[in-house]
């Protein structure tokens, strides 16, 4: 704790790592969406185009959360203090 610059740098990196925990939820969301979509298409092949469109849209929204978490982590590392 003698070097305050090293301490602040370490805390910034820790905060960026914690910000990236949001990507866990996005990964789970995409996996669950794919699972549900594939199961639904297997049960009702006639509705596959509609299901696939909705599944891809849901995945895009889930991935947006991961991109926001990445943006916050980058801002913490490079722009904060």
Foldseek 3Di string as FASTA:
>chain_A
DPDVVVVLLVVLLVVLVVLQVQVVQLVVQLVVLVVVLVVVCVVPVVCNVVSVVVSVVSNVVSVVSNVVSNVVSVCSNPPND
